Amino acid sequence: MTDNVRPCRCLLAEIGRQETANDIKERISRLSEKEKADEKEYRSRLETCRSCEHLADGTCLKCGCYPEFRAAFAKNKCPLKKW
């Protein structure tokens, strides 16, 4: 009998990968304001990622990124054009 365990549609900090999540926060903090998406846009992007079927255990399965990092850049786009 096989267990059909689905990966978590969670971001890094939510699955206990705090060290990686903290590293990403540090890198984001070093971006210029011009490079960063504003906070409202950033949060909206992450909510979209949380509901995406291609998010698995903190990683986007379409492009391999950590959504927290990709979403922080104003010019970045979702590989599926969801944001």
PDB file of N, CA and C in Angstrom:
ATOM      1  N   MET A   1       0.848  -1.166   0.000  1.00  0.00           N
ATOM      2  CA  MET A   1       0.000   0.000   0.000  1.00  0.00           C
ATOM      3  C   MET A   1       0.901   1.237   0.000  1.00  0.00           C
ATOM      4  N   THR A   2       0.624   2.179  -0.899  1.00  0.00           N
ATOM      5  CA  THR A   2       1.421   3.405  -0.972  1.00  0.00           C
ATOM      6  C   THR A   2       0.660   4.558  -0.360  1.00  0.00           C
ATOM      7  N   ASP A   3       1.403   5.403   0.276  1.00  0.00           N
ATOM      8  CA  ASP A   3       0.835   6.615   0.848  1.00  0.00           C
ATOM      9  C   ASP A   3       0.909   7.721  -0.180  1.00  0.00           C
ATOM     10  N   ASN A   4      -0.174   8.335  -0.492  1.00  0.00           N
ATOM     11  CA  ASN A   4      -0.176   9.472  -1.419  1.00  0.00           C
ATOM     12  C   ASN A   4       0.025  10.755  -0.634  1.00  0.00           C
ATOM     13  N   VAL A   5       1.242  10.990  -0.228  1.00  0.00           N
ATOM     14  CA  VAL A   5       1.585  12.173   0.542  1.00  0.00           C
ATOM     15  C   VAL A   5       1.909  13.294  -0.424  1.00  0.00           C
ATOM     16  N   ARG A   6       1.161  14.350  -0.316  1.00  0.00           N
ATOM     17  CA  ARG A   6       1.394  15.514  -1.172  1.00  0.00           C
ATOM     18  C   ARG A   6       2.384  16.452  -0.506  1.00  0.00           C
ATOM     19  N   PRO A   7       3.244  17.079  -1.313  1.00  0.00           N
ATOM     20  CA  PRO A   7       4.159  18.063  -0.734  1.00  0.00           C
ATOM     21  C   PRO A   7       3.369  19.257  -0.175  1.00  0.00           C
ATOM     22  N   CYS A   8       3.931  19.873   0.789  1.00  0.00           N
ATOM     23  CA  CYS A   8       3.317  21.048   1.397  1.00  0.00           C
ATOM     24  C   CYS A   8       3.367  22.233   0.434  1.00  0.00           C
ATOM     25  N   ARG A   9       2.278  22.936   0.301  1.00  0.00           N
ATOM     26  CA  ARG A   9       2.257  24.203  -0.448  1.00  0.00           C
ATOM     27  C   ARG A   9       2.562  25.325   0.539  1.00  0.00           C
ATOM     28  N   CYS A  10       3.772  25.302   1.026  1.00  0.00           N
ATOM     29  CA  CYS A  10       4.192  26.224   2.062  1.00  0.00           C
ATOM     30  C   CYS A  10       5.456  26.963   1.633  1.00  0.00           C
ATOM     31  N   LEU A  11       5.667  28.099   2.265  1.00  0.00           N
ATOM     32  CA  LEU A  11       6.904  28.841   2.064  1.00  0.00           C
ATOM     33  C   LEU A  11       7.956  28.313   3.036  1.00  0.00           C
ATOM     34  N   LEU A  12       9.181  28.716   2.842  1.00  0.00           N
ATOM     35  CA  LEU A  12      10.303  28.150   3.600  1.00  0.00           C
ATOM     36  C   LEU A  12      10.139  28.210   5.113  1.00  0.00           C
ATOM     37  N   ALA A  13       9.834  29.365   5.656  1.00  0.00           N
ATOM     38  CA  ALA A  13       9.726  29.504   7.110  1.00  0.00           C
ATOM     39  C   ALA A  13       8.583  28.658   7.665  1.00  0.00           C
ATOM     40  N   GLU A  14       7.567  28.438   6.858  1.00  0.00           N
ATOM     41  CA  GLU A  14       6.408  27.671   7.301  1.00  0.00           C
ATOM     42  C   GLU A  14       6.696  26.170   7.402  1.00  0.00           C
ATOM     43  N   ILE A  15       7.758  25.715   6.746  1.00  0.00           N
ATOM     44  CA  ILE A  15       8.100  24.292   6.817  1.00  0.00           C
ATOM     45  C   ILE A  15       9.358  24.053   7.659  1.00  0.00           C
ATOM     46  N   GLY A  16       9.770  25.079   8.377  1.00  0.00           N
ATOM     47  CA  GLY A  16      10.895  24.925   9.288  1.00  0.00           C
ATOM     48  C   GLY A  16      12.271  25.113   8.678  1.00  0.00           C
ATOM     49  N   ARG A  17      12.330  25.641   7.480  1.00  0.00           N
ATOM     50  CA  ARG A  17      13.637  25.906   6.860  1.00  0.00           C
ATOM     51  C   ARG A  17      14.043  27.341   7.177  1.00  0.00           C
ATOM     52  N   GLN A  18      14.091  27.618   8.464  1.00  0.00           N
ATOM     53  CA  GLN A  18      14.302  28.979   8.950  1.00  0.00           C
ATOM     54  C   GLN A  18      15.647  29.555   8.536  1.00  0.00           C
ATOM     55  N   GLU A  19      16.691  28.749   8.511  1.00  0.00           N
ATOM     56  CA  GLU A  19      18.018  29.254   8.144  1.00  0.00           C
ATOM     57  C   GLU A  19      18.008  29.794   6.707  1.00  0.00           C
ATOM     58  N   THR A  20      17.411  29.043   5.792  1.00  0.00           N
ATOM     59  CA  THR A  20      17.320  29.494   4.397  1.00  0.00           C
ATOM     60  C   THR A  20      16.409  30.710   4.296  1.00  0.00           C
ATOM     61  N   ALA A  21      15.293  30.699   5.011  1.00  0.00           N
ATOM     62  CA  ALA A  21      14.367  31.838   5.004  1.00  0.00           C
ATOM     63  C   ALA A  21      15.066  33.093   5.528  1.00  0.00           C
ATOM     64  N   ASN A  22      15.857  32.965   6.572  1.00  0.00           N
ATOM     65  CA  ASN A  22      16.588  34.113   7.129  1.00  0.00           C
ATOM     66  C   ASN A  22      17.637  34.625   6.143  1.00  0.00           C
ATOM     67  N   ASP A  23      18.304  33.714   5.453  1.00  0.00           N
ATOM     68  CA  ASP A  23      19.291  34.102   4.443  1.00  0.00           C
ATOM     69  C   ASP A  23      18.614  34.908   3.331  1.00  0.00           C
ATOM     70  N   ILE A  24      17.460  34.469   2.905  1.00  0.00           N
ATOM     71  CA  ILE A  24      16.723  35.190   1.860  1.00  0.00           C
ATOM     72  C   ILE A  24      16.306  36.571   2.356  1.00  0.00           C
ATOM     73  N   LYS A  25      15.814  36.655   3.585  1.00  0.00           N
ATOM     74  CA  LYS A  25      15.438  37.961   4.152  1.00  0.00           C
ATOM     75  C   LYS A  25      16.630  38.906   4.172  1.00  0.00           C
ATOM     76  N   GLU A  26      17.784  38.385   4.548  1.00  0.00           N
ATOM     77  CA  GLU A  26      19.000  39.207   4.585  1.00  0.00           C
ATOM     78  C   GLU A  26      19.348  39.710   3.186  1.00  0.00           C
ATOM     79  N   ARG A  27      19.281  38.846   2.206  1.00  0.00           N
ATOM     80  CA  ARG A  27      19.588  39.243   0.823  1.00  0.00           C
ATOM     81  C   ARG A  27      18.593  40.285   0.314  1.00  0.00           C
ATOM     82  N   ILE A  28      17.333  40.099   0.642  1.00  0.00           N
ATOM     83  CA  ILE A  28      16.305  41.055   0.233  1.00  0.00           C
ATOM     84  C   ILE A  28      16.558  42.415   0.877  1.00  0.00           C
ATOM     85  N   SER A  29      16.992  42.407   2.131  1.00  0.00           N
ATOM     86  CA  SER A  29      17.236  43.669   2.833  1.00  0.00           C
ATOM     87  C   SER A  29      18.346  44.488   2.174  1.00  0.00           C
ATOM     88  N   ARG A  30      19.216  43.819   1.434  1.00  0.00           N
ATOM     89  CA  ARG A  30      20.315  44.519   0.752  1.00  0.00           C
ATOM     90  C   ARG A  30      19.924  45.079  -0.614  1.00  0.00           C
ATOM     91  N   LEU A  31      18.722  44.775  -1.078  1.00  0.00           N
ATOM     92  CA  LEU A  31      18.277  45.315  -2.371  1.00  0.00           C
ATOM     93  C   LEU A  31      17.956  46.803  -2.227  1.00  0.00           C
ATOM     94  N   SER A  32      18.157  47.533  -3.288  1.00  0.00           N
ATOM     95  CA  SER A  32      17.760  48.944  -3.269  1.00  0.00           C
ATOM     96  C   SER A  32      16.236  49.025  -3.363  1.00  0.00           C
ATOM     97  N   GLU A  33      15.690  50.132  -2.930  1.00  0.00           N
ATOM     98  CA  GLU A  33      14.241  50.321  -3.003  1.00  0.00           C
ATOM     99  C   GLU A  33      13.749  50.255  -4.454  1.00  0.00           C
ATOM    100  N   LYS A  34      14.583  50.660  -5.358  1.00  0.00           N
ATOM    101  CA  LYS A  34      14.242  50.618  -6.784  1.00  0.00           C
ATOM    102  C   LYS A  34      14.099  49.175  -7.287  1.00  0.00           C
ATOM    103  N   GLU A  35      14.901  48.282  -6.729  1.00  0.00           N
ATOM    104  CA  GLU A  35      14.877  46.872  -7.142  1.00  0.00           C
ATOM    105  C   GLU A  35      13.714  46.090  -6.530  1.00  0.00           C
ATOM    106  N   LYS A  36      13.257  46.518  -5.351  1.00  0.00           N
ATOM    107  CA  LYS A  36      12.263  45.771  -4.587  1.00  0.00           C
ATOM    108  C   LYS A  36      10.832  46.031  -5.050  1.00  0.00           C
ATOM    109  N   ALA A  37      10.029  44.973  -4.985  1.00  0.00           N
ATOM    110  CA  ALA A  37       8.578  45.132  -5.110  1.00  0.00           C
ATOM    111  C   ALA A  37       8.101  45.770  -3.805  1.00  0.00           C
ATOM    112  N   ASP A  38       7.059  46.588  -3.878  1.00  0.00           N
ATOM    113  CA  ASP A  38       6.573  47.168  -2.621  1.00  0.00           C
ATOM    114  C   ASP A  38       5.941  46.062  -1.768  1.00  0.00           C
ATOM    115  N   GLU A  39       5.815  46.321  -0.483  1.00  0.00           N
ATOM    116  CA  GLU A  39       5.391  45.303   0.480  1.00  0.00           C
ATOM    117  C   GLU A  39       4.029  44.699   0.129  1.00  0.00           C
ATOM    118  N   LYS A  40       3.088  45.519  -0.297  1.00  0.00           N
ATOM    119  CA  LYS A  40       1.752  45.019  -0.649  1.00  0.00           C
ATOM    120  C   LYS A  40       1.841  44.058  -1.840  1.00  0.00           C
ATOM    121  N   GLU A  41       2.602  44.421  -2.843  1.00  0.00           N
ATOM    122  CA  GLU A  41       2.780  43.566  -4.022  1.00  0.00           C
ATOM    123  C   GLU A  41       3.496  42.271  -3.635  1.00  0.00           C
ATOM    124  N   TYR A  42       4.511  42.387  -2.814  1.00  0.00           N
ATOM    125  CA  TYR A  42       5.265  41.217  -2.348  1.00  0.00           C
ATOM    126  C   TYR A  42       4.339  40.218  -1.653  1.00  0.00           C
ATOM    127  N   ARG A  43       3.547  40.691  -0.720  1.00  0.00           N
ATOM    128  CA  ARG A  43       2.618  39.826   0.022  1.00  0.00           C
ATOM    129  C   ARG A  43       1.583  39.194  -0.918  1.00  0.00           C
ATOM    130  N   SER A  44       1.086  39.964  -1.860  1.00  0.00           N
ATOM    131  CA  SER A  44       0.117  39.454  -2.832  1.00  0.00           C
ATOM    132  C   SER A  44       0.730  38.336  -3.676  1.00  0.00           C
ATOM    133  N   ARG A  45       1.947  38.535  -4.111  1.00  0.00           N
ATOM    134  CA  ARG A  45       2.645  37.516  -4.902  1.00  0.00           C
ATOM    135  C   ARG A  45       2.812  36.228  -4.101  1.00  0.00           C
ATOM    136  N   LEU A  46       3.205  36.346  -2.841  1.00  0.00           N
ATOM    137  CA  LEU A  46       3.399  35.156  -2.018  1.00  0.00           C
ATOM    138  C   LEU A  46       2.092  34.411  -1.783  1.00  0.00           C
ATOM    139  N   GLU A  47       1.000  35.134  -1.632  1.00  0.00           N
ATOM    140  CA  GLU A  47      -0.306  34.481  -1.472  1.00  0.00           C
ATOM    141  C   GLU A  47      -0.672  33.709  -2.738  1.00  0.00           C
ATOM    142  N   THR A  48      -0.367  34.274  -3.885  1.00  0.00           N
ATOM    143  CA  THR A  48      -0.608  33.579  -5.155  1.00  0.00           C
ATOM    144  C   THR A  48       0.235  32.308  -5.201  1.00  0.00           C
ATOM    145  N   CYS A  49       1.481  32.409  -4.809  1.00  0.00           N
ATOM    146  CA  CYS A  49       2.362  31.234  -4.799  1.00  0.00           C
ATOM    147  C   CYS A  49       1.845  30.160  -3.844  1.00  0.00           C
ATOM    148  N   ARG A  50       1.363  30.564  -2.673  1.00  0.00           N
ATOM    149  CA  ARG A  50       0.855  29.595  -1.693  1.00  0.00           C
ATOM    150  C   ARG A  50      -0.294  28.765  -2.253  1.00  0.00           C
ATOM    151  N   SER A  51      -1.070  29.336  -3.148  1.00  0.00           N
ATOM    152  CA  SER A  51      -2.213  28.601  -3.691  1.00  0.00           C
ATOM    153  C   SER A  51      -1.880  27.868  -4.995  1.00  0.00           C
ATOM    154  N   CYS A  52      -0.644  27.957  -5.427  1.00  0.00           N
ATOM    155  CA  CYS A  52      -0.235  27.360  -6.705  1.00  0.00           C
ATOM    156  C   CYS A  52       0.088  25.875  -6.555  1.00  0.00           C
ATOM    157  N   GLU A  53      -0.379  25.098  -7.501  1.00  0.00           N
ATOM    158  CA  GLU A  53      -0.121  23.652  -7.488  1.00  0.00           C
ATOM    159  C   GLU A  53       1.352  23.301  -7.759  1.00  0.00           C
ATOM    160  N   HIS A  54       2.139  24.278  -8.173  1.00  0.00           N
ATOM    161  CA  HIS A  54       3.548  24.043  -8.460  1.00  0.00           C
ATOM    162  C   HIS A  54       4.475  24.443  -7.304  1.00  0.00           C
ATOM    163  N   LEU A  55       3.899  24.851  -6.179  1.00  0.00           N
ATOM    164  CA  LEU A  55       4.699  25.128  -4.983  1.00  0.00           C
ATOM    165  C   LEU A  55       4.783  23.845  -4.166  1.00  0.00           C
ATOM    166  N   ALA A  56       5.986  23.407  -3.889  1.00  0.00           N
ATOM    167  CA  ALA A  56       6.168  22.184  -3.101  1.00  0.00           C
ATOM    168  C   ALA A  56       7.309  22.381  -2.119  1.00  0.00           C
ATOM    169  N   ASP A  57       6.966  22.311  -0.854  1.00  0.00           N
ATOM    170  CA  ASP A  57       7.974  22.390   0.213  1.00  0.00           C
ATOM    171  C   ASP A  57       8.907  23.587   0.071  1.00  0.00           C
ATOM    172  N   GLY A  58       8.337  24.742  -0.236  1.00  0.00           N
ATOM    173  CA  GLY A  58       9.102  25.988  -0.276  1.00  0.00           C
ATOM    174  C   GLY A  58       9.772  26.307  -1.597  1.00  0.00           C
ATOM    175  N   THR A  59       9.565  25.474  -2.611  1.00  0.00           N
ATOM    176  CA  THR A  59      10.228  25.670  -3.898  1.00  0.00           C
ATOM    177  C   THR A  59       9.214  25.659  -5.034  1.00  0.00           C
ATOM    178  N   CYS A  60       9.406  26.539  -6.002  1.00  0.00           N
ATOM    179  CA  CYS A  60       8.574  26.543  -7.207  1.00  0.00           C
ATOM    180  C   CYS A  60       9.070  25.421  -8.120  1.00  0.00           C
ATOM    181  N   LEU A  61       8.208  24.499  -8.451  1.00  0.00           N
ATOM    182  CA  LEU A  61       8.603  23.377  -9.300  1.00  0.00           C
ATOM    183  C   LEU A  61       8.706  23.747 -10.770  1.00  0.00           C
ATOM    184  N   LYS A  62       8.208  24.907 -11.146  1.00  0.00           N
ATOM    185  CA  LYS A  62       8.315  25.350 -12.543  1.00  0.00           C
ATOM    186  C   LYS A  62       9.685  25.931 -12.852  1.00  0.00           C
ATOM    187  N   CYS A  63      10.238  26.708 -11.933  1.00  0.00           N
ATOM    188  CA  CYS A  63      11.516  27.371 -12.232  1.00  0.00           C
ATOM    189  C   CYS A  63      12.617  27.040 -11.223  1.00  0.00           C
ATOM    190  N   GLY A  64      12.249  26.411 -10.112  1.00  0.00           N
ATOM    191  CA  GLY A  64      13.238  26.032  -9.114  1.00  0.00           C
ATOM    192  C   GLY A  64      13.583  27.111  -8.096  1.00  0.00           C
ATOM    193  N   CYS A  65      12.877  28.233  -8.144  1.00  0.00           N
ATOM    194  CA  CYS A  65      13.193  29.339  -7.238  1.00  0.00           C
ATOM    195  C   CYS A  65      12.553  29.153  -5.868  1.00  0.00           C
ATOM    196  N   TYR A  66      13.021  29.981  -4.934  1.00  0.00           N
ATOM    197  CA  TYR A  66      12.329  30.166  -3.666  1.00  0.00           C
ATOM    198  C   TYR A  66      11.409  31.361  -3.890  1.00  0.00           C
ATOM    199  N   PRO A  67      10.098  31.182  -3.811  1.00  0.00           N
ATOM    200  CA  PRO A  67       9.179  32.281  -4.096  1.00  0.00           C
ATOM    201  C   PRO A  67       9.437  33.545  -3.279  1.00  0.00           C
ATOM    202  N   GLU A  68       9.862  33.408  -2.023  1.00  0.00           N
ATOM    203  CA  GLU A  68      10.128  34.596  -1.208  1.00  0.00           C
ATOM    204  C   GLU A  68      11.177  35.492  -1.858  1.00  0.00           C
ATOM    205  N   PHE A  69      12.144  34.889  -2.519  1.00  0.00           N
ATOM    206  CA  PHE A  69      13.201  35.672  -3.154  1.00  0.00           C
ATOM    207  C   PHE A  69      12.742  36.225  -4.502  1.00  0.00           C
ATOM    208  N   ARG A  70      12.167  35.391  -5.330  1.00  0.00           N
ATOM    209  CA  ARG A  70      11.722  35.819  -6.659  1.00  0.00           C
ATOM    210  C   ARG A  70      10.700  36.961  -6.546  1.00  0.00           C
ATOM    211  N   ALA A  71       9.767  36.824  -5.616  1.00  0.00           N
ATOM    212  CA  ALA A  71       8.691  37.809  -5.466  1.00  0.00           C
ATOM    213  C   ALA A  71       9.188  39.157  -4.963  1.00  0.00           C
ATOM    214  N   ALA A  72      10.366  39.197  -4.377  1.00  0.00           N
ATOM    215  CA  ALA A  72      10.889  40.444  -3.804  1.00  0.00           C
ATOM    216  C   ALA A  72      11.350  41.445  -4.857  1.00  0.00           C
ATOM    217  N   PHE A  73      11.673  40.977  -6.049  1.00  0.00           N
ATOM    218  CA  PHE A  73      12.181  41.853  -7.106  1.00  0.00           C
ATOM    219  C   PHE A  73      11.031  42.433  -7.924  1.00  0.00           C
ATOM    220  N   ALA A  74      10.996  43.740  -8.035  1.00  0.00           N
ATOM    221  CA  ALA A  74       9.918  44.414  -8.765  1.00  0.00           C
ATOM    222  C   ALA A  74       9.789  43.920 -10.205  1.00  0.00           C
ATOM    223  N   LYS A  75      10.907  43.664 -10.854  1.00  0.00           N
ATOM    224  CA  LYS A  75      10.883  43.287 -12.271  1.00  0.00           C
ATOM    225  C   LYS A  75      10.621  41.805 -12.521  1.00  0.00           C
ATOM    226  N   ASN A  76      10.721  40.980 -11.491  1.00  0.00           N
ATOM    227  CA  ASN A  76      10.512  39.545 -11.689  1.00  0.00           C
ATOM    228  C   ASN A  76       9.060  39.226 -11.983  1.00  0.00           C
ATOM    229  N   LYS A  77       8.871  38.125 -12.656  1.00  0.00           N
ATOM    230  CA  LYS A  77       7.535  37.645 -12.981  1.00  0.00           C
ATOM    231  C   LYS A  77       7.441  36.162 -12.629  1.00  0.00           C
ATOM    232  N   CYS A  78       6.241  35.724 -12.406  1.00  0.00           N
ATOM    233  CA  CYS A  78       5.979  34.310 -12.184  1.00  0.00           C
ATOM    234  C   CYS A  78       6.186  33.568 -13.501  1.00  0.00           C
ATOM    235  N   PRO A  79       6.831  32.400 -13.487  1.00  0.00           N
ATOM    236  CA  PRO A  79       7.039  31.654 -14.728  1.00  0.00           C
ATOM    237  C   PRO A  79       5.733  31.189 -15.362  1.00  0.00           C
ATOM    238  N   LEU A  80       4.656  31.172 -14.577  1.00  0.00           N
ATOM    239  CA  LEU A  80       3.342  30.786 -15.099  1.00  0.00           C
ATOM    240  C   LEU A  80       2.448  31.999 -15.385  1.00  0.00           C
ATOM    241  N   LYS A  81       3.043  33.180 -15.252  1.00  0.00           N
ATOM    242  CA  LYS A  81       2.350  34.444 -15.488  1.00  0.00           C
ATOM    243  C   LYS A  81       1.137  34.647 -14.566  1.00  0.00           C
ATOM    244  N   LYS A  82       1.271  34.167 -13.336  1.00  0.00           N
ATOM    245  CA  LYS A  82       0.209  34.356 -12.342  1.00  0.00           C
ATOM    246  C   LYS A  82       0.343  35.695 -11.639  1.00  0.00           C
ATOM    247  N   TRP A  83       1.544  36.292 -11.709  1.00  0.00           N
ATOM    248  CA  TRP A  83       1.771  37.653 -11.213  1.00  0.00           C
ATOM    249  C   TRP A  83       2.895  38.269 -11.992  1.00  0.00           C
TER     250      TRP A  83
END
